[in-house]
Amino acid sequence: ATDLDGPMSNSSTAGGDGRQVHKQRFVWTADLHRRFEAAVNSLGIDHAKPQAISQLMNCEGEGAPTRQNIKSHLQKYRLLMQKR
């Protein structure tokens, strides 16, 4: 089997017209953020880890934040809390 698309072929291009397909940016809704805050507060801001937050938030499936989404949000949240 030969690679017809050449060495630059990757999964981020769609339909052969060269347009890039980007993953949709994750948006934290008010409800998700409330769940996030409740989870972080019950764990303690310094001891909160993405996996534990995810379990306490009880969100799964479509529209749920990934471990990486939670990790990034926690990083921003900690910085915001330091300023207060």
PDB file of N, CA and C in Angstrom:
ATOM      1  N   ALA A   1       0.853  -1.195   0.000  1.00  0.00           N
ATOM      2  CA  ALA A   1       0.000   0.000   0.000  1.00  0.00           C
ATOM      3  C   ALA A   1       0.885   1.239   0.000  1.00  0.00           C
ATOM      4  N   THR A   2       0.651   2.106  -0.960  1.00  0.00           N
ATOM      5  CA  THR A   2       1.430   3.349  -1.030  1.00  0.00           C
ATOM      6  C   THR A   2       0.619   4.504  -0.484  1.00  0.00           C
ATOM      7  N   ASP A   3       1.324   5.486   0.056  1.00  0.00           N
ATOM      8  CA  ASP A   3       0.667   6.665   0.616  1.00  0.00           C
ATOM      9  C   ASP A   3       0.419   7.660  -0.514  1.00  0.00           C
ATOM     10  N   LEU A   4      -0.803   7.715  -0.981  1.00  0.00           N
ATOM     11  CA  LEU A   4      -1.149   8.567  -2.120  1.00  0.00           C
ATOM     12  C   LEU A   4      -1.120  10.056  -1.787  1.00  0.00           C
ATOM     13  N   ASP A   5      -1.287  10.370  -0.512  1.00  0.00           N
ATOM     14  CA  ASP A   5      -1.332  11.774  -0.119  1.00  0.00           C
ATOM     15  C   ASP A   5       0.059  12.372   0.094  1.00  0.00           C
ATOM     16  N   GLY A   6       1.078  11.559   0.106  1.00  0.00           N
ATOM     17  CA  GLY A   6       2.431  12.066   0.303  1.00  0.00           C
ATOM     18  C   GLY A   6       2.781  12.151   1.769  1.00  0.00           C
ATOM     19  N   PRO A   7       4.019  12.546   2.064  1.00  0.00           N
ATOM     20  CA  PRO A   7       4.519  12.548   3.437  1.00  0.00           C
ATOM     21  C   PRO A   7       3.835  13.580   4.347  1.00  0.00           C
ATOM     22  N   MET A   8       3.197  14.606   3.753  1.00  0.00           N
ATOM     23  CA  MET A   8       2.595  15.649   4.568  1.00  0.00           C
ATOM     24  C   MET A   8       1.166  15.324   4.983  1.00  0.00           C
ATOM     25  N   SER A   9       0.679  14.152   4.621  1.00  0.00           N
ATOM     26  CA  SER A   9      -0.689  13.777   4.953  1.00  0.00           C
ATOM     27  C   SER A   9      -0.864  13.672   6.455  1.00  0.00           C
ATOM     28  N   ASN A  10      -1.935  14.333   6.959  1.00  0.00           N
ATOM     29  CA  ASN A  10      -2.260  14.156   8.372  1.00  0.00           C
ATOM     30  C   ASN A  10      -3.756  14.235   8.559  1.00  0.00           C
ATOM     31  N   SER A  11      -4.210  13.889   9.746  1.00  0.00           N
ATOM     32  CA  SER A  11      -5.641  13.756   9.989  1.00  0.00           C
ATOM     33  C   SER A  11      -6.341  15.094  10.197  1.00  0.00           C
ATOM     34  N   SER A  12      -5.595  16.213  10.177  1.00  0.00           N
ATOM     35  CA  SER A  12      -6.250  17.486  10.451  1.00  0.00           C
ATOM     36  C   SER A  12      -6.809  18.157   9.201  1.00  0.00           C
ATOM     37  N   THR A  13      -6.599  17.580   8.012  1.00  0.00           N
ATOM     38  CA  THR A  13      -7.190  18.159   6.811  1.00  0.00           C
ATOM     39  C   THR A  13      -8.427  17.365   6.420  1.00  0.00           C
ATOM     40  N   ALA A  14      -9.401  18.050   5.863  1.00  0.00           N
ATOM     41  CA  ALA A  14     -10.671  17.393   5.542  1.00  0.00           C
ATOM     42  C   ALA A  14     -10.903  17.378   4.040  1.00  0.00           C
ATOM     43  N   GLY A  15     -11.469  16.322   3.552  1.00  0.00           N
ATOM     44  CA  GLY A  15     -12.017  16.244   2.212  1.00  0.00           C
ATOM     45  C   GLY A  15     -11.134  16.640   1.052  1.00  0.00           C
ATOM     46  N   GLY A  16      -9.849  16.697   1.247  1.00  0.00           N
ATOM     47  CA  GLY A  16      -8.947  16.958   0.133  1.00  0.00           C
ATOM     48  C   GLY A  16      -8.907  18.396  -0.355  1.00  0.00           C
ATOM     49  N   ASP A  17      -9.694  19.301   0.252  1.00  0.00           N
ATOM     50  CA  ASP A  17      -9.661  20.685  -0.224  1.00  0.00           C
ATOM     51  C   ASP A  17      -8.690  21.550   0.578  1.00  0.00           C
ATOM     52  N   GLY A  18      -7.965  20.930   1.491  1.00  0.00           N
ATOM     53  CA  GLY A  18      -6.890  21.625   2.195  1.00  0.00           C
ATOM     54  C   GLY A  18      -7.336  22.461   3.383  1.00  0.00           C
ATOM     55  N   ARG A  19      -8.635  22.514   3.650  1.00  0.00           N
ATOM     56  CA  ARG A  19      -9.088  23.297   4.803  1.00  0.00           C
ATOM     57  C   ARG A  19      -8.765  22.564   6.090  1.00  0.00           C
ATOM     58  N   GLN A  20      -8.286  23.319   7.087  1.00  0.00           N
ATOM     59  CA  GLN A  20      -7.959  22.732   8.382  1.00  0.00           C
ATOM     60  C   GLN A  20      -9.239  22.503   9.189  1.00  0.00           C
ATOM     61  N   VAL A  21      -9.287  21.377   9.873  1.00  0.00           N
ATOM     62  CA  VAL A  21     -10.408  21.099  10.754  1.00  0.00           C
ATOM     63  C   VAL A  21      -9.876  21.154  12.173  1.00  0.00           C
ATOM     64  N   HIS A  22     -10.352  22.154  12.917  1.00  0.00           N
ATOM     65  CA  HIS A  22      -9.877  22.319  14.285  1.00  0.00           C
ATOM     66  C   HIS A  22     -10.917  21.822  15.261  1.00  0.00           C
ATOM     67  N   LYS A  23     -10.433  21.281  16.370  1.00  0.00           N
ATOM     68  CA  LYS A  23     -11.327  20.854  17.421  1.00  0.00           C
ATOM     69  C   LYS A  23     -12.008  22.081  18.014  1.00  0.00           C
ATOM     70  N   GLN A  24     -13.278  21.937  18.345  1.00  0.00           N
ATOM     71  CA  GLN A  24     -14.029  23.043  18.943  1.00  0.00           C
ATOM     72  C   GLN A  24     -13.445  23.376  20.312  1.00  0.00           C
ATOM     73  N   ARG A  25     -13.286  24.673  20.597  1.00  0.00           N
ATOM     74  CA  ARG A  25     -12.766  25.113  21.883  1.00  0.00           C
ATOM     75  C   ARG A  25     -13.787  24.786  22.960  1.00  0.00           C
ATOM     76  N   PHE A  26     -13.307  24.279  24.086  1.00  0.00           N
ATOM     77  CA  PHE A  26     -14.221  23.912  25.171  1.00  0.00           C
ATOM     78  C   PHE A  26     -14.701  25.159  25.902  1.00  0.00           C
ATOM     79  N   VAL A  27     -16.005  25.256  26.108  1.00  0.00           N
ATOM     80  CA  VAL A  27     -16.585  26.400  26.808  1.00  0.00           C
ATOM     81  C   VAL A  27     -17.131  25.951  28.164  1.00  0.00           C
ATOM     82  N   TRP A  28     -16.681  26.621  29.207  1.00  0.00           N
ATOM     83  CA  TRP A  28     -17.146  26.311  30.564  1.00  0.00           C
ATOM     84  C   TRP A  28     -18.462  27.047  30.805  1.00  0.00           C
ATOM     85  N   THR A  29     -19.554  26.310  30.906  1.00  0.00           N
ATOM     86  CA  THR A  29     -20.855  26.911  31.204  1.00  0.00           C
ATOM     87  C   THR A  29     -20.890  27.278  32.683  1.00  0.00           C
ATOM     88  N   ALA A  30     -21.868  28.086  33.057  1.00  0.00           N
ATOM     89  CA  ALA A  30     -22.014  28.484  34.461  1.00  0.00           C
ATOM     90  C   ALA A  30     -22.210  27.248  35.343  1.00  0.00           C
ATOM     91  N   ASP A  31     -23.006  26.293  34.861  1.00  0.00           N
ATOM     92  CA  ASP A  31     -23.263  25.073  35.630  1.00  0.00           C
ATOM     93  C   ASP A  31     -21.992  24.240  35.810  1.00  0.00           C
ATOM     94  N   LEU A  32     -21.234  24.061  34.716  1.00  0.00           N
ATOM     95  CA  LEU A  32     -19.987  23.295  34.799  1.00  0.00           C
ATOM     96  C   LEU A  32     -19.006  23.970  35.756  1.00  0.00           C
ATOM     97  N   HIS A  33     -18.925  25.305  35.682  1.00  0.00           N
ATOM     98  CA  HIS A  33     -17.995  26.027  36.550  1.00  0.00           C
ATOM     99  C   HIS A  33     -18.423  25.892  38.015  1.00  0.00           C
ATOM    100  N   ARG A  34     -19.733  25.927  38.265  1.00  0.00           N
ATOM    101  CA  ARG A  34     -20.248  25.739  39.632  1.00  0.00           C
ATOM    102  C   ARG A  34     -19.845  24.370  40.164  1.00  0.00           C
ATOM    103  N   ARG A  35     -20.002  23.350  39.324  1.00  0.00           N
ATOM    104  CA  ARG A  35     -19.607  21.989  39.726  1.00  0.00           C
ATOM    105  C   ARG A  35     -18.104  21.905  39.979  1.00  0.00           C
ATOM    106  N   PHE A  36     -17.339  22.566  39.090  1.00  0.00           N
ATOM    107  CA  PHE A  36     -15.880  22.607  39.219  1.00  0.00           C
ATOM    108  C   PHE A  36     -15.485  23.238  40.557  1.00  0.00           C
ATOM    109  N   GLU A  37     -16.076  24.414  40.833  1.00  0.00           N
ATOM    110  CA  GLU A  37     -15.764  25.124  42.081  1.00  0.00           C
ATOM    111  C   GLU A  37     -16.117  24.299  43.313  1.00  0.00           C
ATOM    112  N   ALA A  38     -17.281  23.668  43.292  1.00  0.00           N
ATOM    113  CA  ALA A  38     -17.714  22.843  44.419  1.00  0.00           C
ATOM    114  C   ALA A  38     -16.728  21.692  44.642  1.00  0.00           C
ATOM    115  N   ALA A  39     -16.293  21.060  43.559  1.00  0.00           N
ATOM    116  CA  ALA A  39     -15.343  19.949  43.647  1.00  0.00           C
ATOM    117  C   ALA A  39     -13.998  20.424  44.205  1.00  0.00           C
ATOM    118  N   VAL A  40     -13.500  21.540  43.677  1.00  0.00           N
ATOM    119  CA  VAL A  40     -12.211  22.084  44.120  1.00  0.00           C
ATOM    120  C   VAL A  40     -12.283  22.479  45.600  1.00  0.00           C
ATOM    121  N   ASN A  41     -13.383  23.109  45.997  1.00  0.00           N
ATOM    122  CA  ASN A  41     -13.530  23.546  47.393  1.00  0.00           C
ATOM    123  C   ASN A  41     -13.615  22.371  48.353  1.00  0.00           C
ATOM    124  N   SER A  42     -14.268  21.287  47.926  1.00  0.00           N
ATOM    125  CA  SER A  42     -14.362  20.133  48.818  1.00  0.00           C
ATOM    126  C   SER A  42     -13.042  19.376  48.913  1.00  0.00           C
ATOM    127  N   LEU A  43     -12.236  19.445  47.865  1.00  0.00           N
ATOM    128  CA  LEU A  43     -10.921  18.782  47.881  1.00  0.00           C
ATOM    129  C   LEU A  43      -9.850  19.659  48.527  1.00  0.00           C
ATOM    130  N   GLY A  44     -10.060  20.965  48.494  1.00  0.00           N
ATOM    131  CA  GLY A  44      -9.036  21.911  48.918  1.00  0.00           C
ATOM    132  C   GLY A  44      -8.247  22.340  47.697  1.00  0.00           C
ATOM    133  N   ILE A  45      -8.142  23.641  47.478  1.00  0.00           N
ATOM    134  CA  ILE A  45      -7.561  24.170  46.229  1.00  0.00           C
ATOM    135  C   ILE A  45      -6.136  23.669  45.973  1.00  0.00           C
ATOM    136  N   ASP A  46      -5.372  23.451  47.025  1.00  0.00           N
ATOM    137  CA  ASP A  46      -3.982  23.020  46.848  1.00  0.00           C
ATOM    138  C   ASP A  46      -3.842  21.518  46.609  1.00  0.00           C
ATOM    139  N   HIS A  47      -4.860  20.755  46.998  1.00  0.00           N
ATOM    140  CA  HIS A  47      -4.788  19.297  46.861  1.00  0.00           C
ATOM    141  C   HIS A  47      -5.633  18.762  45.708  1.00  0.00           C
ATOM    142  N   ALA A  48      -6.392  19.651  45.054  1.00  0.00           N
ATOM    143  CA  ALA A  48      -7.292  19.233  43.975  1.00  0.00           C
ATOM    144  C   ALA A  48      -6.484  18.754  42.766  1.00  0.00           C
ATOM    145  N   LYS A  49      -6.854  17.582  42.259  1.00  0.00           N
ATOM    146  CA  LYS A  49      -6.226  17.019  41.060  1.00  0.00           C
ATOM    147  C   LYS A  49      -7.313  16.812  40.010  1.00  0.00           C
ATOM    148  N   PRO A  50      -6.972  16.973  38.725  1.00  0.00           N
ATOM    149  CA  PRO A  50      -7.970  16.871  37.655  1.00  0.00           C
ATOM    150  C   PRO A  50      -8.856  15.622  37.717  1.00  0.00           C
ATOM    151  N   GLN A  51      -8.263  14.461  37.993  1.00  0.00           N
ATOM    152  CA  GLN A  51      -9.042  13.214  38.007  1.00  0.00           C
ATOM    153  C   GLN A  51     -10.084  13.222  39.127  1.00  0.00           C
ATOM    154  N   ALA A  52      -9.672  13.665  40.299  1.00  0.00           N
ATOM    155  CA  ALA A  52     -10.586  13.729  41.445  1.00  0.00           C
ATOM    156  C   ALA A  52     -11.690  14.757  41.198  1.00  0.00           C
ATOM    157  N   ILE A  53     -11.322  15.900  40.610  1.00  0.00           N
ATOM    158  CA  ILE A  53     -12.309  16.935  40.278  1.00  0.00           C
ATOM    159  C   ILE A  53     -13.339  16.373  39.305  1.00  0.00           C
ATOM    160  N   SER A  54     -12.855  15.673  38.292  1.00  0.00           N
ATOM    161  CA  SER A  54     -13.728  15.068  37.282  1.00  0.00           C
ATOM    162  C   SER A  54     -14.751  14.128  37.913  1.00  0.00           C
ATOM    163  N   GLN A  55     -14.291  13.300  38.836  1.00  0.00           N
ATOM    164  CA  GLN A  55     -15.182  12.343  39.506  1.00  0.00           C
ATOM    165  C   GLN A  55     -16.226  13.067  40.360  1.00  0.00           C
ATOM    166  N   LEU A  56     -15.803  14.108  41.087  1.00  0.00           N
ATOM    167  CA  LEU A  56     -16.733  14.854  41.936  1.00  0.00           C
ATOM    168  C   LEU A  56     -17.726  15.676  41.111  1.00  0.00           C
ATOM    169  N   MET A  57     -17.296  16.148  39.946  1.00  0.00           N
ATOM    170  CA  MET A  57     -18.181  16.924  39.065  1.00  0.00           C
ATOM    171  C   MET A  57     -19.286  16.044  38.488  1.00  0.00           C
ATOM    172  N   ASN A  58     -19.015  14.750  38.395  1.00  0.00           N
ATOM    173  CA  ASN A  58     -20.011  13.800  37.923  1.00  0.00           C
ATOM    174  C   ASN A  58     -20.524  14.134  36.518  1.00  0.00           C
ATOM    175  N   CYS A  59     -19.609  14.513  35.625  1.00  0.00           N
ATOM    176  CA  CYS A  59     -19.954  14.825  34.236  1.00  0.00           C
ATOM    177  C   CYS A  59     -19.311  13.785  33.334  1.00  0.00           C
ATOM    178  N   GLU A  60     -20.096  13.194  32.463  1.00  0.00           N
ATOM    179  CA  GLU A  60     -19.543  12.219  31.521  1.00  0.00           C
ATOM    180  C   GLU A  60     -20.211  12.350  30.171  1.00  0.00           C
ATOM    181  N   GLY A  61     -19.549  11.821  29.157  1.00  0.00           N
ATOM    182  CA  GLY A  61     -20.123  11.792  27.818  1.00  0.00           C
ATOM    183  C   GLY A  61     -19.941  13.088  27.058  1.00  0.00           C
ATOM    184  N   GLU A  62     -20.859  13.348  26.145  1.00  0.00           N
ATOM    185  CA  GLU A  62     -20.804  14.515  25.261  1.00  0.00           C
ATOM    186  C   GLU A  62     -20.888  15.811  26.069  1.00  0.00           C
ATOM    187  N   GLY A  63     -19.999  16.747  25.768  1.00  0.00           N
ATOM    188  CA  GLY A  63     -20.035  18.043  26.438  1.00  0.00           C
ATOM    189  C   GLY A  63     -19.365  18.072  27.789  1.00  0.00           C
ATOM    190  N   ALA A  64     -18.811  16.941  28.215  1.00  0.00           N
ATOM    191  CA  ALA A  64     -18.117  16.906  29.506  1.00  0.00           C
ATOM    192  C   ALA A  64     -16.670  17.347  29.311  1.00  0.00           C
ATOM    193  N   PRO A  65     -16.105  18.049  30.299  1.00  0.00           N
ATOM    194  CA  PRO A  65     -14.710  18.472  30.176  1.00  0.00           C
ATOM    195  C   PRO A  65     -13.748  17.284  30.254  1.00  0.00           C
ATOM    196  N   THR A  66     -12.688  17.317  29.447  1.00  0.00           N
ATOM    197  CA  THR A  66     -11.666  16.272  29.504  1.00  0.00           C
ATOM    198  C   THR A  66     -10.736  16.556  30.679  1.00  0.00           C
ATOM    199  N   ARG A  67      -9.872  15.597  30.989  1.00  0.00           N
ATOM    200  CA  ARG A  67      -8.879  15.788  32.053  1.00  0.00           C
ATOM    201  C   ARG A  67      -8.043  17.039  31.740  1.00  0.00           C
ATOM    202  N   GLN A  68      -7.705  17.207  30.458  1.00  0.00           N
ATOM    203  CA  GLN A  68      -6.895  18.346  30.026  1.00  0.00           C
ATOM    204  C   GLN A  68      -7.657  19.664  30.200  1.00  0.00           C
ATOM    205  N   ASN A  69      -8.966  19.675  29.882  1.00  0.00           N
ATOM    206  CA  ASN A  69      -9.795  20.873  30.089  1.00  0.00           C
ATOM    207  C   ASN A  69      -9.791  21.265  31.564  1.00  0.00           C
ATOM    208  N   ILE A  70      -9.960  20.259  32.433  1.00  0.00           N
ATOM    209  CA  ILE A  70     -10.018  20.502  33.874  1.00  0.00           C
ATOM    210  C   ILE A  70      -8.665  20.993  34.388  1.00  0.00           C
ATOM    211  N   LYS A  71      -7.596  20.383  33.875  1.00  0.00           N
ATOM    212  CA  LYS A  71      -6.241  20.762  34.277  1.00  0.00           C
ATOM    213  C   LYS A  71      -5.967  22.243  33.966  1.00  0.00           C
ATOM    214  N   SER A  72      -6.351  22.648  32.777  1.00  0.00           N
ATOM    215  CA  SER A  72      -6.153  24.033  32.336  1.00  0.00           C
ATOM    216  C   SER A  72      -7.008  24.993  33.167  1.00  0.00           C
ATOM    217  N   HIS A  73      -8.266  24.610  33.396  1.00  0.00           N
ATOM    218  CA  HIS A  73      -9.191  25.450  34.163  1.00  0.00           C
ATOM    219  C   HIS A  73      -8.710  25.598  35.608  1.00  0.00           C
ATOM    220  N   LEU A  74      -8.192  24.515  36.162  1.00  0.00           N
ATOM    221  CA  LEU A  74      -7.665  24.530  37.534  1.00  0.00           C
ATOM    222  C   LEU A  74      -6.467  25.475  37.637  1.00  0.00           C
ATOM    223  N   GLN A  75      -5.620  25.436  36.625  1.00  0.00           N
ATOM    224  CA  GLN A  75      -4.443  26.307  36.596  1.00  0.00           C
ATOM    225  C   GLN A  75      -4.879  27.776  36.609  1.00  0.00           C
ATOM    226  N   LYS A  76      -5.845  28.126  35.773  1.00  0.00           N
ATOM    227  CA  LYS A  76      -6.341  29.501  35.710  1.00  0.00           C
ATOM    228  C   LYS A  76      -7.056  29.879  37.006  1.00  0.00           C
ATOM    229  N   TYR A  77      -7.819  28.937  37.548  1.00  0.00           N
ATOM    230  CA  TYR A  77      -8.579  29.174  38.777  1.00  0.00           C
ATOM    231  C   TYR A  77      -7.642  29.448  39.957  1.00  0.00           C
ATOM    232  N   ARG A  78      -6.568  28.664  40.050  1.00  0.00           N
ATOM    233  CA  ARG A  78      -5.588  28.872  41.124  1.00  0.00           C
ATOM    234  C   ARG A  78      -4.938  30.251  41.020  1.00  0.00           C
ATOM    235  N   LEU A  79      -4.606  30.661  39.796  1.00  0.00           N
ATOM    236  CA  LEU A  79      -4.005  31.985  39.594  1.00  0.00           C
ATOM    237  C   LEU A  79      -4.979  33.087  40.005  1.00  0.00           C
ATOM    238  N   LEU A  80      -6.241  32.909  39.626  1.00  0.00           N
ATOM    239  CA  LEU A  80      -7.276  33.896  39.983  1.00  0.00           C
ATOM    240  C   LEU A  80      -7.437  33.978  41.500  1.00  0.00           C
ATOM    241  N   MET A  81      -7.425  32.836  42.180  1.00  0.00           N
ATOM    242  CA  MET A  81      -7.595  32.803  43.631  1.00  0.00           C
ATOM    243  C   MET A  81      -6.399  33.398  44.369  1.00  0.00           C
ATOM    244  N   GLN A  82      -5.213  33.330  43.769  1.00  0.00           N
ATOM    245  CA  GLN A  82      -4.018  33.926  44.385  1.00  0.00           C
ATOM    246  C   GLN A  82      -4.137  35.442  44.453  1.00  0.00           C
ATOM    247  N   LYS A  83      -4.782  36.021  43.432  1.00  0.00           N
ATOM    248  CA  LYS A  83      -4.901  37.475  43.352  1.00  0.00           C
ATOM    249  C   LYS A  83      -5.902  38.021  44.365  1.00  0.00           C
ATOM    250  N   ARG A  84      -6.819  37.192  44.825  1.00  0.00           N
ATOM    251  CA  ARG A  84      -7.849  37.649  45.765  1.00  0.00           C
ATOM    252  C   ARG A  84      -7.325  37.726  47.183  1.00  0.00           C
TER     253      ARG A  84
END
